Amino acid sequence: MSTPASQRQRVRATDSKERIFEAAMTLLGTRAPEAVSVDQIAAAAGVSKGTVYYNFGSKDELISQILDFGAQKLMDELSRAAAGPQPYLALKHMVEFAMDFVASYPAFVQLWMQEQLRADDNSDFSTTTLHRQVTDVLLQVLERLVRLDEAEKFPVATTIFGAALFTARMRATGRPDLARDQVISAVMLTVDGLLATRPHATS
């Protein structure tokens, strides 16, 4: 049975976005955003300049749109991991994926931070869309594991978010003292401490 034309178009569009994202992350990992042209991204992705504009908008919008696409990739996988039946393992898988995502796209966190600061000199990372999305999904899993006071929830989720994402960024700079499994274990110590000191959630 043949694939409907609309489905083929969606697959092609998704493939183009993936290729453009991969190319942009590679280029933006070695030079400043203003030094990367649409032509260079198109050439690296093996697509036309028009395809870049079609998928991600104008040059002025390009970086923020590419970052939004990367953030959605991150959130899709974190949400998938969060749905696991065992909350402790779900949290561990979320941390593992975050570490591997940043290892694959080391420019992502750096660019994301730069974009937040560029948008507002007083930018508070805790109010950004990505931060809210990640902490919300972390809290959904944490609440299946332990009972936290209301005042503890946001700081705990933010600590796990920051430890995983920013330590992963440090690892991407080639730090030999930040081995993947050791960092994952260190982040999970926060969860272990909660399990040892807080009432467990009731199913």
Foldseek 3Di string as FASTA:
>chain_A
DDDDPVVVVVVVLVLLLVLLLLLVLVVCVVDPLVVDDLVSSCVSSVHDSVSQCVNQNDSVRRLVSSLVVLLVVLLVQLLVLLPDPQLLRSLLVNLLVLLVSCLSRLSNVVSVVVVQCVVDVPGDVCPDPSNVSQLVSNLVSVLQWFDDDPVVSSVLSNLLVCLSNVLSSVVSVPDPVSDSVVSSVVSCVSVVVCNVPTHTHDD
